[in-house]
Amino acid sequence: MKIERMNKGNWGKIRAFFDLQTEDGFTLKGFKLVEGINGLFVGFPSQKGNDEEYHDTVWADRDIKEQVNQLAIKTYGQEVMATPPGMDNNDFPPPQPEMADASVATPFSDEDVPF
């Protein structure tokens, strides 16, 4: 199995969408990497039914689900943690504090206090 493509983003709790290609050449589309209470997990492809509930359209046994989960988290982590070529952490400039324009700010005195 391998991840065919991964579209990373931030859609509520969903961190990525990806397609999975099996060893036999089948491509399954519509997997989701979801941020849950206990960390990241894979949501299998699903479709909204007439009852407004989502129903899985792909089923797998526990071992396959665990393999897909580990593969997706590993791929997601590698892509997120990768730095652009030719850059390391020391190439970024230090953050600069935002300075308010002092000429715009009005002076404050004890007479401005209402008591």
PDB file of N, CA and C in Angstrom:
ATOM      1  N   MET A   1       0.838  -1.182   0.000  1.00  0.00           N
ATOM      2  CA  MET A   1       0.000   0.000   0.000  1.00  0.00           C
ATOM      3  C   MET A   1       0.877   1.236   0.000  1.00  0.00           C
ATOM      4  N   LYS A   2       0.363   2.290  -0.653  1.00  0.00           N
ATOM      5  CA  LYS A   2       1.066   3.563  -0.592  1.00  0.00           C
ATOM      6  C   LYS A   2       0.060   4.704  -0.742  1.00  0.00           C
ATOM      7  N   ILE A   3       0.440   5.848  -0.203  1.00  0.00           N
ATOM      8  CA  ILE A   3      -0.390   7.047  -0.318  1.00  0.00           C
ATOM      9  C   ILE A   3      -0.175   7.606  -1.716  1.00  0.00           C
ATOM     10  N   GLU A   4      -1.247   7.725  -2.475  1.00  0.00           N
ATOM     11  CA  GLU A   4      -1.153   8.213  -3.850  1.00  0.00           C
ATOM     12  C   GLU A   4      -0.946   9.727  -3.867  1.00  0.00           C
ATOM     13  N   ARG A   5      -1.734  10.452  -3.136  1.00  0.00           N
ATOM     14  CA  ARG A   5      -1.577  11.903  -3.022  1.00  0.00           C
ATOM     15  C   ARG A   5      -2.171  12.308  -1.689  1.00  0.00           C
ATOM     16  N   MET A   6      -1.625  13.377  -1.100  1.00  0.00           N
ATOM     17  CA  MET A   6      -2.137  13.865   0.180  1.00  0.00           C
ATOM     18  C   MET A   6      -2.329  15.369   0.069  1.00  0.00           C
ATOM     19  N   ASN A   7      -3.547  15.817   0.336  1.00  0.00           N
ATOM     20  CA  ASN A   7      -3.891  17.233   0.288  1.00  0.00           C
ATOM     21  C   ASN A   7      -4.015  17.725   1.720  1.00  0.00           C
ATOM     22  N   LYS A   8      -2.984  18.423   2.199  1.00  0.00           N
ATOM     23  CA  LYS A   8      -2.983  18.888   3.588  1.00  0.00           C
ATOM     24  C   LYS A   8      -3.711  20.218   3.690  1.00  0.00           C
ATOM     25  N   GLY A   9      -4.308  20.452   4.849  1.00  0.00           N
ATOM     26  CA  GLY A   9      -5.005  21.700   5.113  1.00  0.00           C
ATOM     27  C   GLY A   9      -5.562  21.686   6.515  1.00  0.00           C
ATOM     28  N   ASN A  10      -6.522  22.557   6.744  1.00  0.00           N
ATOM     29  CA  ASN A  10      -7.147  22.639   8.057  1.00  0.00           C
ATOM     30  C   ASN A  10      -8.631  22.907   7.854  1.00  0.00           C
ATOM     31  N   TRP A  11      -9.409  21.849   7.797  1.00  0.00           N
ATOM     32  CA  TRP A  11     -10.847  21.938   7.604  1.00  0.00           C
ATOM     33  C   TRP A  11     -11.520  21.436   8.861  1.00  0.00           C
ATOM     34  N   GLY A  12     -11.664  22.282   9.854  1.00  0.00           N
ATOM     35  CA  GLY A  12     -12.207  21.842  11.136  1.00  0.00           C
ATOM     36  C   GLY A  12     -11.256  20.859  11.778  1.00  0.00           C
ATOM     37  N   LYS A  13     -11.703  19.633  11.999  1.00  0.00           N
ATOM     38  CA  LYS A  13     -10.848  18.602  12.594  1.00  0.00           C
ATOM     39  C   LYS A  13     -10.073  17.805  11.548  1.00  0.00           C
ATOM     40  N   ILE A  14     -10.390  17.986  10.291  1.00  0.00           N
ATOM     41  CA  ILE A  14      -9.713  17.249   9.222  1.00  0.00           C
ATOM     42  C   ILE A  14      -8.401  17.950   8.880  1.00  0.00           C
ATOM     43  N   ARG A  15      -7.307  17.177   8.894  1.00  0.00           N
ATOM     44  CA  ARG A  15      -5.973  17.718   8.626  1.00  0.00           C
ATOM     45  C   ARG A  15      -5.494  17.405   7.214  1.00  0.00           C
ATOM     46  N   ALA A  16      -6.040  16.356   6.590  1.00  0.00           N
ATOM     47  CA  ALA A  16      -5.617  16.004   5.231  1.00  0.00           C
ATOM     48  C   ALA A  16      -6.634  15.065   4.591  1.00  0.00           C
ATOM     49  N   PHE A  17      -6.690  15.117   3.267  1.00  0.00           N
ATOM     50  CA  PHE A  17      -7.410  14.142   2.459  1.00  0.00           C
ATOM     51  C   PHE A  17      -6.363  13.380   1.665  1.00  0.00           C
ATOM     52  N   PHE A  18      -6.576  12.092   1.463  1.00  0.00           N
ATOM     53  CA  PHE A  18      -5.605  11.338   0.678  1.00  0.00           C
ATOM     54  C   PHE A  18      -6.260  10.161  -0.020  1.00  0.00           C
ATOM     55  N   ASP A  19      -5.551   9.682  -1.059  1.00  0.00           N
ATOM     56  CA  ASP A  19      -5.954   8.492  -1.802  1.00  0.00           C
ATOM     57  C   ASP A  19      -4.952   7.393  -1.492  1.00  0.00           C
ATOM     58  N   LEU A  20      -5.416   6.172  -1.526  1.00  0.00           N
ATOM     59  CA  LEU A  20      -4.587   5.023  -1.180  1.00  0.00           C
ATOM     60  C   LEU A  20      -4.542   4.068  -2.363  1.00  0.00           C
ATOM     61  N   GLN A  21      -3.338   3.660  -2.750  1.00  0.00           N
ATOM     62  CA  GLN A  21      -3.188   2.685  -3.826  1.00  0.00           C
ATOM     63  C   GLN A  21      -2.757   1.356  -3.229  1.00  0.00           C
ATOM     64  N   THR A  22      -3.494   0.290  -3.580  1.00  0.00           N
ATOM     65  CA  THR A  22      -3.174  -1.041  -3.070  1.00  0.00           C
ATOM     66  C   THR A  22      -2.048  -1.657  -3.891  1.00  0.00           C
ATOM     67  N   GLU A  23      -1.523  -2.770  -3.402  1.00  0.00           N
ATOM     68  CA  GLU A  23      -0.454  -3.482  -4.107  1.00  0.00           C
ATOM     69  C   GLU A  23      -0.941  -4.069  -5.429  1.00  0.00           C
ATOM     70  N   ASP A  24      -2.262  -4.264  -5.553  1.00  0.00           N
ATOM     71  CA  ASP A  24      -2.837  -4.800  -6.786  1.00  0.00           C
ATOM     72  C   ASP A  24      -3.142  -3.714  -7.805  1.00  0.00           C
ATOM     73  N   GLY A  25      -2.893  -2.445  -7.465  1.00  0.00           N
ATOM     74  CA  GLY A  25      -3.105  -1.347  -8.398  1.00  0.00           C
ATOM     75  C   GLY A  25      -4.428  -0.622  -8.252  1.00  0.00           C
ATOM     76  N   PHE A  26      -5.264  -1.022  -7.299  1.00  0.00           N
ATOM     77  CA  PHE A  26      -6.522  -0.319  -7.074  1.00  0.00           C
ATOM     78  C   PHE A  26      -6.252   0.979  -6.316  1.00  0.00           C
ATOM     79  N   THR A  27      -6.931   2.056  -6.710  1.00  0.00           N
ATOM     80  CA  THR A  27      -6.822   3.322  -5.993  1.00  0.00           C
ATOM     81  C   THR A  27      -8.148   3.596  -5.307  1.00  0.00           C
ATOM     82  N   LEU A  28      -8.093   3.776  -4.003  1.00  0.00           N
ATOM     83  CA  LEU A  28      -9.273   4.094  -3.204  1.00  0.00           C
ATOM     84  C   LEU A  28      -9.187   5.570  -2.839  1.00  0.00           C
ATOM     85  N   LYS A  29     -10.232   6.324  -3.140  1.00  0.00           N
ATOM     86  CA  LYS A  29     -10.223   7.770  -2.927  1.00  0.00           C
ATOM     87  C   LYS A  29     -11.127   8.150  -1.765  1.00  0.00           C
ATOM     88  N   GLY A  30     -10.791   9.261  -1.113  1.00  0.00           N
ATOM     89  CA  GLY A  30     -11.684   9.818  -0.110  1.00  0.00           C
ATOM     90  C   GLY A  30     -11.320   9.549   1.332  1.00  0.00           C
ATOM     91  N   PHE A  31     -10.100   9.146   1.619  1.00  0.00           N
ATOM     92  CA  PHE A  31      -9.675   8.952   3.008  1.00  0.00           C
ATOM     93  C   PHE A  31      -9.405  10.308   3.642  1.00  0.00           C
ATOM     94  N   LYS A  32      -9.608  10.396   4.951  1.00  0.00           N
ATOM     95  CA  LYS A  32      -9.400  11.636   5.694  1.00  0.00           C
ATOM     96  C   LYS A  32      -8.494  11.360   6.883  1.00  0.00           C
ATOM     97  N   LEU A  33      -7.606  12.290   7.180  1.00  0.00           N
ATOM     98  CA  LEU A  33      -6.801  12.232   8.391  1.00  0.00           C
ATOM     99  C   LEU A  33      -7.423  13.236   9.351  1.00  0.00           C
ATOM    100  N   VAL A  34      -7.922  12.734  10.487  1.00  0.00           N
ATOM    101  CA  VAL A  34      -8.726  13.530  11.411  1.00  0.00           C
ATOM    102  C   VAL A  34      -7.982  13.714  12.729  1.00  0.00           C
ATOM    103  N   GLU A  35      -8.055  14.921  13.293  1.00  0.00           N
ATOM    104  CA  GLU A  35      -7.479  15.217  14.606  1.00  0.00           C
ATOM    105  C   GLU A  35      -8.556  14.930  15.648  1.00  0.00           C
ATOM    106  N   GLY A  36      -8.356  13.861  16.431  1.00  0.00           N
ATOM    107  CA  GLY A  36      -9.304  13.485  17.468  1.00  0.00           C
ATOM    108  C   GLY A  36      -8.765  13.794  18.850  1.00  0.00           C
ATOM    109  N   ILE A  37      -9.498  13.430  19.863  1.00  0.00           N
ATOM    110  CA  ILE A  37      -9.095  13.662  21.251  1.00  0.00           C
ATOM    111  C   ILE A  37      -7.789  12.940  21.552  1.00  0.00           C
ATOM    112  N   ASN A  38      -7.621  11.738  21.033  1.00  0.00           N
ATOM    113  CA  ASN A  38      -6.427  10.926  21.298  1.00  0.00           C
ATOM    114  C   ASN A  38      -5.374  11.027  20.202  1.00  0.00           C
ATOM    115  N   GLY A  39      -5.446  12.018  19.344  1.00  0.00           N
ATOM    116  CA  GLY A  39      -4.461  12.194  18.280  1.00  0.00           C
ATOM    117  C   GLY A  39      -5.064  11.967  16.905  1.00  0.00           C
ATOM    118  N   LEU A  40      -4.194  11.798  15.922  1.00  0.00           N
ATOM    119  CA  LEU A  40      -4.626  11.624  14.538  1.00  0.00           C
ATOM    120  C   LEU A  40      -5.132  10.209  14.282  1.00  0.00           C
ATOM    121  N   PHE A  41      -6.162  10.102  13.451  1.00  0.00           N
ATOM    122  CA  PHE A  41      -6.657   8.800  13.000  1.00  0.00           C
ATOM    123  C   PHE A  41      -7.218   8.950  11.596  1.00  0.00           C
ATOM    124  N   VAL A  42      -7.365   7.826  10.903  1.00  0.00           N
ATOM    125  CA  VAL A  42      -7.857   7.821   9.532  1.00  0.00           C
ATOM    126  C   VAL A  42      -9.357   7.587   9.521  1.00  0.00           C
ATOM    127  N   GLY A  43     -10.059   8.452   8.796  1.00  0.00           N
ATOM    128  CA  GLY A  43     -11.478   8.266   8.524  1.00  0.00           C
ATOM    129  C   GLY A  43     -11.615   7.669   7.130  1.00  0.00           C
ATOM    130  N   PHE A  44     -12.305   6.558   7.032  1.00  0.00           N
ATOM    131  CA  PHE A  44     -12.456   5.890   5.745  1.00  0.00           C
ATOM    132  C   PHE A  44     -13.485   6.626   4.891  1.00  0.00           C
ATOM    133  N   PRO A  45     -13.444   6.431   3.566  1.00  0.00           N
ATOM    134  CA  PRO A  45     -14.395   7.105   2.684  1.00  0.00           C
ATOM    135  C   PRO A  45     -15.835   6.838   3.111  1.00  0.00           C
ATOM    136  N   SER A  46     -16.655   7.872   3.036  1.00  0.00           N
ATOM    137  CA  SER A  46     -18.052   7.743   3.453  1.00  0.00           C
ATOM    138  C   SER A  46     -18.929   8.592   2.551  1.00  0.00           C
ATOM    139  N   GLN A  47     -20.235   8.339   2.657  1.00  0.00           N
ATOM    140  CA  GLN A  47     -21.203   9.063   1.861  1.00  0.00           C
ATOM    141  C   GLN A  47     -22.401   9.389   2.735  1.00  0.00           C
ATOM    142  N   LYS A  48     -22.971  10.576   2.538  1.00  0.00           N
ATOM    143  CA  LYS A  48     -24.124  11.001   3.325  1.00  0.00           C
ATOM    144  C   LYS A  48     -25.379  10.304   2.802  1.00  0.00           C
ATOM    145  N   GLY A  49     -26.117   9.696   3.722  1.00  0.00           N
ATOM    146  CA  GLY A  49     -27.332   8.985   3.350  1.00  0.00           C
ATOM    147  C   GLY A  49     -28.566   9.869   3.443  1.00  0.00           C
ATOM    148  N   ASN A  50     -29.720   9.302   3.110  1.00  0.00           N
ATOM    149  CA  ASN A  50     -30.988  10.033   3.195  1.00  0.00           C
ATOM    150  C   ASN A  50     -31.338  10.414   4.621  1.00  0.00           C
ATOM    151  N   ASP A  51     -30.773   9.690   5.594  1.00  0.00           N
ATOM    152  CA  ASP A  51     -31.040   9.974   7.002  1.00  0.00           C
ATOM    153  C   ASP A  51     -30.096  11.045   7.563  1.00  0.00           C
ATOM    154  N   GLU A  52     -29.342  11.737   6.665  1.00  0.00           N
ATOM    155  CA  GLU A  52     -28.394  12.794   7.050  1.00  0.00           C
ATOM    156  C   GLU A  52     -27.200  12.269   7.844  1.00  0.00           C
ATOM    157  N   GLU A  53     -27.022  10.952   7.922  1.00  0.00           N
ATOM    158  CA  GLU A  53     -25.872  10.347   8.593  1.00  0.00           C
ATOM    159  C   GLU A  53     -24.856   9.929   7.534  1.00  0.00           C
ATOM    160  N   TYR A  54     -23.587   9.883   7.919  1.00  0.00           N
ATOM    161  CA  TYR A  54     -22.538   9.434   7.012  1.00  0.00           C
ATOM    162  C   TYR A  54     -22.310   7.939   7.202  1.00  0.00           C
ATOM    163  N   HIS A  55     -22.216   7.220   6.082  1.00  0.00           N
ATOM    164  CA  HIS A  55     -22.022   5.777   6.097  1.00  0.00           C
ATOM    165  C   HIS A  55     -20.748   5.444   5.324  1.00  0.00           C
ATOM    166  N   ASP A  56     -19.906   4.558   5.900  1.00  0.00           N
ATOM    167  CA  ASP A  56     -18.665   4.158   5.247  1.00  0.00           C
ATOM    168  C   ASP A  56     -18.962   3.457   3.928  1.00  0.00           C
ATOM    169  N   THR A  57     -18.134   3.743   2.925  1.00  0.00           N
ATOM    170  CA  THR A  57     -18.267   3.077   1.629  1.00  0.00           C
ATOM    171  C   THR A  57     -17.131   2.089   1.384  1.00  0.00           C
ATOM    172  N   VAL A  58     -16.118   2.092   2.264  1.00  0.00           N
ATOM    173  CA  VAL A  58     -14.998   1.151   2.196  1.00  0.00           C
ATOM    174  C   VAL A  58     -14.831   0.536   3.574  1.00  0.00           C
ATOM    175  N   TRP A  59     -14.710  -0.798   3.615  1.00  0.00           N
ATOM    176  CA  TRP A  59     -14.537  -1.490   4.889  1.00  0.00           C
ATOM    177  C   TRP A  59     -13.216  -2.244   4.876  1.00  0.00           C
ATOM    178  N   ALA A  60     -12.612  -2.364   6.045  1.00  0.00           N
ATOM    179  CA  ALA A  60     -11.359  -3.120   6.174  1.00  0.00           C
ATOM    180  C   ALA A  60     -11.299  -3.732   7.563  1.00  0.00           C
ATOM    181  N   ASP A  61     -10.540  -4.829   7.691  1.00  0.00           N
ATOM    182  CA  ASP A  61     -10.390  -5.432   9.015  1.00  0.00           C
ATOM    183  C   ASP A  61      -9.424  -4.594   9.861  1.00  0.00           C
ATOM    184  N   ARG A  62      -9.330  -4.932  11.109  1.00  0.00           N
ATOM    185  CA  ARG A  62      -8.567  -4.150  12.088  1.00  0.00           C
ATOM    186  C   ARG A  62      -7.096  -3.995  11.697  1.00  0.00           C
ATOM    187  N   ASP A  63      -6.480  -5.076  11.199  1.00  0.00           N
ATOM    188  CA  ASP A  63      -5.062  -5.020  10.825  1.00  0.00           C
ATOM    189  C   ASP A  63      -4.819  -4.041   9.678  1.00  0.00           C
ATOM    190  N   ILE A  64      -5.682  -4.093   8.675  1.00  0.00           N
ATOM    191  CA  ILE A  64      -5.545  -3.184   7.531  1.00  0.00           C
ATOM    192  C   ILE A  64      -5.776  -1.743   7.983  1.00  0.00           C
ATOM    193  N   LYS A  65      -6.774  -1.522   8.829  1.00  0.00           N
ATOM    194  CA  LYS A  65      -7.028  -0.165   9.328  1.00  0.00           C
ATOM    195  C   LYS A  65      -5.813   0.382  10.067  1.00  0.00           C
ATOM    196  N   GLU A  66      -5.178  -0.454  10.866  1.00  0.00           N
ATOM    197  CA  GLU A  66      -3.997  -0.018  11.616  1.00  0.00           C
ATOM    198  C   GLU A  66      -2.840   0.297  10.668  1.00  0.00           C
ATOM    199  N   GLN A  67      -2.667  -0.513   9.621  1.00  0.00           N
ATOM    200  CA  GLN A  67      -1.615  -0.246   8.634  1.00  0.00           C
ATOM    201  C   GLN A  67      -1.855   1.082   7.920  1.00  0.00           C
ATOM    202  N   VAL A  68      -3.101   1.321   7.513  1.00  0.00           N
ATOM    203  CA  VAL A  68      -3.448   2.574   6.834  1.00  0.00           C
ATOM    204  C   VAL A  68      -3.230   3.751   7.776  1.00  0.00           C
ATOM    205  N   ASN A  69      -3.640   3.591   9.031  1.00  0.00           N
ATOM    206  CA  ASN A  69      -3.476   4.647  10.031  1.00  0.00           C
ATOM    207  C   ASN A  69      -2.002   5.013  10.194  1.00  0.00           C
ATOM    208  N   GLN A  70      -1.143   4.020  10.382  1.00  0.00           N
ATOM    209  CA  GLN A  70       0.288   4.271  10.569  1.00  0.00           C
ATOM    210  C   GLN A  70       0.919   4.884   9.324  1.00  0.00           C
ATOM    211  N   LEU A  71       0.555   4.387   8.145  1.00  0.00           N
ATOM    212  CA  LEU A  71       1.100   4.910   6.897  1.00  0.00           C
ATOM    213  C   LEU A  71       0.704   6.370   6.692  1.00  0.00           C
ATOM    214  N   ALA A  72      -0.568   6.699   6.942  1.00  0.00           N
ATOM    215  CA  ALA A  72      -1.042   8.068   6.742  1.00  0.00           C
ATOM    216  C   ALA A  72      -0.389   9.037   7.722  1.00  0.00           C
ATOM    217  N   ILE A  73      -0.284   8.650   8.987  1.00  0.00           N
ATOM    218  CA  ILE A  73       0.328   9.523   9.992  1.00  0.00           C
ATOM    219  C   ILE A  73       1.809   9.722   9.677  1.00  0.00           C
ATOM    220  N   LYS A  74       2.479   8.664   9.248  1.00  0.00           N
ATOM    221  CA  LYS A  74       3.899   8.768   8.893  1.00  0.00           C
ATOM    222  C   LYS A  74       4.083   9.709   7.701  1.00  0.00           C
ATOM    223  N   THR A  75       3.273   9.540   6.669  1.00  0.00           N
ATOM    224  CA  THR A  75       3.366  10.390   5.481  1.00  0.00           C
ATOM    225  C   THR A  75       3.034  11.833   5.822  1.00  0.00           C
ATOM    226  N   TYR A  76       1.993  12.048   6.600  1.00  0.00           N
ATOM    227  CA  TYR A  76       1.600  13.400   7.003  1.00  0.00           C
ATOM    228  C   TYR A  76       2.715  14.053   7.814  1.00  0.00           C
ATOM    229  N   GLY A  77       3.296  13.326   8.752  1.00  0.00           N
ATOM    230  CA  GLY A  77       4.368  13.865   9.582  1.00  0.00           C
ATOM    231  C   GLY A  77       5.603  14.208   8.783  1.00  0.00           C
ATOM    232  N   GLN A  78       5.953  13.382   7.801  1.00  0.00           N
ATOM    233  CA  GLN A  78       7.126  13.652   6.971  1.00  0.00           C
ATOM    234  C   GLN A  78       6.918  14.914   6.150  1.00  0.00           C
ATOM    235  N   GLU A  79       5.721  15.094   5.614  1.00  0.00           N
ATOM    236  CA  GLU A  79       5.459  16.267   4.786  1.00  0.00           C
ATOM    237  C   GLU A  79       5.364  17.532   5.625  1.00  0.00           C
ATOM    238  N   VAL A  80       4.814  17.432   6.827  1.00  0.00           N
ATOM    239  CA  VAL A  80       4.680  18.605   7.682  1.00  0.00           C
ATOM    240  C   VAL A  80       6.034  19.021   8.235  1.00  0.00           C
ATOM    241  N   MET A  81       6.860  18.042   8.623  1.00  0.00           N
ATOM    242  CA  MET A  81       8.139  18.343   9.255  1.00  0.00           C
ATOM    243  C   MET A  81       9.239  18.691   8.254  1.00  0.00           C
ATOM    244  N   ALA A  82       9.017  18.448   6.976  1.00  0.00           N
ATOM    245  CA  ALA A  82      10.052  18.721   5.978  1.00  0.00           C
ATOM    246  C   ALA A  82      10.249  20.224   5.818  1.00  0.00           C
ATOM    247  N   THR A  83      11.506  20.653   5.777  1.00  0.00           N
ATOM    248  CA  THR A  83      11.805  22.058   5.526  1.00  0.00           C
ATOM    249  C   THR A  83      12.109  22.219   4.049  1.00  0.00           C
ATOM    250  N   PRO A  84      11.912  23.419   3.503  1.00  0.00           N
ATOM    251  CA  PRO A  84      12.210  23.629   2.091  1.00  0.00           C
ATOM    252  C   PRO A  84      13.681  23.352   1.800  1.00  0.00           C
ATOM    253  N   PRO A  85      14.004  22.878   0.599  1.00  0.00           N
ATOM    254  CA  PRO A  85      15.392  22.567   0.273  1.00  0.00           C
ATOM    255  C   PRO A  85      16.282  23.799   0.416  1.00  0.00           C
ATOM    256  N   GLY A  86      17.469  23.592   0.968  1.00  0.00           N
ATOM    257  CA  GLY A  86      18.421  24.675   1.118  1.00  0.00           C
ATOM    258  C   GLY A  86      18.185  25.560   2.324  1.00  0.00           C
ATOM    259  N   MET A  87      17.199  25.242   3.147  1.00  0.00           N
ATOM    260  CA  MET A  87      16.918  26.065   4.320  1.00  0.00           C
ATOM    261  C   MET A  87      16.952  25.188   5.551  1.00  0.00           C
ATOM    262  N   ASP A  88      17.551  25.709   6.615  1.00  0.00           N
ATOM    263  CA  ASP A  88      17.442  25.033   7.889  1.00  0.00           C
ATOM    264  C   ASP A  88      16.889  26.030   8.888  1.00  0.00           C
ATOM    265  N   ASN A  89      16.694  25.613  10.104  1.00  0.00           N
ATOM    266  CA  ASN A  89      16.022  26.450  11.093  1.00  0.00           C
ATOM    267  C   ASN A  89      16.750  27.758  11.368  1.00  0.00           C
ATOM    268  N   ASN A  90      18.057  27.846  11.094  1.00  0.00           N
ATOM    269  CA  ASN A  90      18.810  29.061  11.367  1.00  0.00           C
ATOM    270  C   ASN A  90      18.645  30.110  10.282  1.00  0.00           C
ATOM    271  N   ASP A  91      18.026  29.780   9.159  1.00  0.00           N
ATOM    272  CA  ASP A  91      17.871  30.723   8.065  1.00  0.00           C
ATOM    273  C   ASP A  91      16.690  31.662   8.244  1.00  0.00           C
ATOM    274  N   PHE A  92      15.839  31.403   9.205  1.00  0.00           N
ATOM    275  CA  PHE A  92      14.684  32.246   9.406  1.00  0.00           C
ATOM    276  C   PHE A  92      15.052  33.434  10.281  1.00  0.00           C
ATOM    277  N   PRO A  93      14.602  34.653   9.948  1.00  0.00           N
ATOM    278  CA  PRO A  93      14.919  35.801  10.794  1.00  0.00           C
ATOM    279  C   PRO A  93      14.159  35.708  12.112  1.00  0.00           C
ATOM    280  N   PRO A  94      14.715  36.274  13.193  1.00  0.00           N
ATOM    281  CA  PRO A  94      14.014  36.234  14.472  1.00  0.00           C
ATOM    282  C   PRO A  94      12.740  37.066  14.403  1.00  0.00           C
ATOM    283  N   PRO A  95      11.709  36.694  15.144  1.00  0.00           N
ATOM    284  CA  PRO A  95      10.465  37.461  15.112  1.00  0.00           C
ATOM    285  C   PRO A  95      10.689  38.856  15.680  1.00  0.00           C
ATOM    286  N   GLN A  96      10.046  39.828  15.054  1.00  0.00           N
ATOM    287  CA  GLN A  96      10.157  41.216  15.494  1.00  0.00           C
ATOM    288  C   GLN A  96       8.868  41.608  16.207  1.00  0.00           C
ATOM    289  N   PRO A  97       8.968  42.250  17.376  1.00  0.00           N
ATOM    290  CA  PRO A  97       7.752  42.682  18.059  1.00  0.00           C
ATOM    291  C   PRO A  97       7.088  43.804  17.275  1.00  0.00           C
ATOM    292  N   GLU A  98       5.769  43.797  17.311  1.00  0.00           N
ATOM    293  CA  GLU A  98       5.034  44.852  16.633  1.00  0.00           C
ATOM    294  C   GLU A  98       5.098  46.112  17.476  1.00  0.00           C
ATOM    295  N   MET A  99       5.471  47.201  16.851  1.00  0.00           N
ATOM    296  CA  MET A  99       5.597  48.477  17.551  1.00  0.00           C
ATOM    297  C   MET A  99       4.430  49.362  17.149  1.00  0.00           C
ATOM    298  N   ALA A 100       3.767  49.914  18.129  1.00  0.00           N
ATOM    299  CA  ALA A 100       2.691  50.855  17.853  1.00  0.00           C
ATOM    300  C   ALA A 100       3.321  52.193  17.491  1.00  0.00           C
ATOM    301  N   ASP A 101       2.683  52.921  16.623  1.00  0.00           N
ATOM    302  CA  ASP A 101       3.196  54.227  16.223  1.00  0.00           C
ATOM    303  C   ASP A 101       2.994  55.195  17.380  1.00  0.00           C
ATOM    304  N   ALA A 102       4.089  55.678  17.958  1.00  0.00           N
ATOM    305  CA  ALA A 102       4.026  56.544  19.140  1.00  0.00           C
ATOM    306  C   ALA A 102       3.406  57.886  18.815  1.00  0.00           C
ATOM    307  N   SER A 103       3.504  58.347  17.569  1.00  0.00           N
ATOM    308  CA  SER A 103       2.938  59.649  17.222  1.00  0.00           C
ATOM    309  C   SER A 103       1.416  59.600  17.176  1.00  0.00           C
ATOM    310  N   VAL A 104       0.832  58.436  17.030  1.00  0.00           N
ATOM    311  CA  VAL A 104      -0.618  58.294  16.952  1.00  0.00           C
ATOM    312  C   VAL A 104      -1.226  58.130  18.344  1.00  0.00           C
ATOM    313  N   ALA A 105      -0.493  57.534  19.274  1.00  0.00           N
ATOM    314  CA  ALA A 105      -1.022  57.273  20.612  1.00  0.00           C
ATOM    315  C   ALA A 105      -1.211  58.581  21.376  1.00  0.00           C
ATOM    316  N   THR A 106      -2.329  58.682  22.083  1.00  0.00           N
ATOM    317  CA  THR A 106      -2.583  59.879  22.897  1.00  0.00           C
ATOM    318  C   THR A 106      -1.977  59.685  24.273  1.00  0.00           C
ATOM    319  N   PRO A 107      -1.398  60.740  24.825  1.00  0.00           N
ATOM    320  CA  PRO A 107      -0.804  60.611  26.161  1.00  0.00           C
ATOM    321  C   PRO A 107      -1.876  60.365  27.214  1.00  0.00           C
ATOM    322  N   PHE A 108      -1.502  59.671  28.276  1.00  0.00           N
ATOM    323  CA  PHE A 108      -2.412  59.325  29.359  1.00  0.00           C
ATOM    324  C   PHE A 108      -1.914  60.004  30.628  1.00  0.00           C
ATOM    325  N   SER A 109      -2.842  60.614  31.375  1.00  0.00           N
ATOM    326  CA  SER A 109      -2.447  61.292  32.617  1.00  0.00           C
ATOM    327  C   SER A 109      -3.403  60.913  33.735  1.00  0.00           C
ATOM    328  N   ASP A 110      -3.096  61.366  34.954  1.00  0.00           N
ATOM    329  CA  ASP A 110      -3.944  61.079  36.109  1.00  0.00           C
ATOM    330  C   ASP A 110      -5.318  61.725  35.982  1.00  0.00           C
ATOM    331  N   GLU A 111      -5.433  62.796  35.216  1.00  0.00           N
ATOM    332  CA  GLU A 111      -6.720  63.482  35.061  1.00  0.00           C
ATOM    333  C   GLU A 111      -7.701  62.662  34.235  1.00  0.00           C
ATOM    334  N   ASP A 112      -7.218  61.666  33.516  1.00  0.00           N
ATOM    335  CA  ASP A 112      -8.086  60.819  32.706  1.00  0.00           C
ATOM    336  C   ASP A 112      -8.796  59.752  33.529  1.00  0.00           C
ATOM    337  N   VAL A 113      -8.363  59.543  34.783  1.00  0.00           N
ATOM    338  CA  VAL A 113      -8.970  58.549  35.650  1.00  0.00           C
ATOM    339  C   VAL A 113     -10.259  59.138  36.212  1.00  0.00           C
ATOM    340  N   PRO A 114     -11.408  58.438  36.126  1.00  0.00           N
ATOM    341  CA  PRO A 114     -12.703  59.009  36.507  1.00  0.00           C
ATOM    342  C   PRO A 114     -12.946  59.114  38.007  1.00  0.00           C
ATOM    343  N   PHE A 115     -12.066  58.723  38.900  1.00  0.00           N
ATOM    344  CA  PHE A 115     -12.358  58.823  40.323  1.00  0.00           C
ATOM    345  C   PHE A 115     -11.368  59.658  41.045  1.00  0.00           C
TER     346      PHE A 115
END
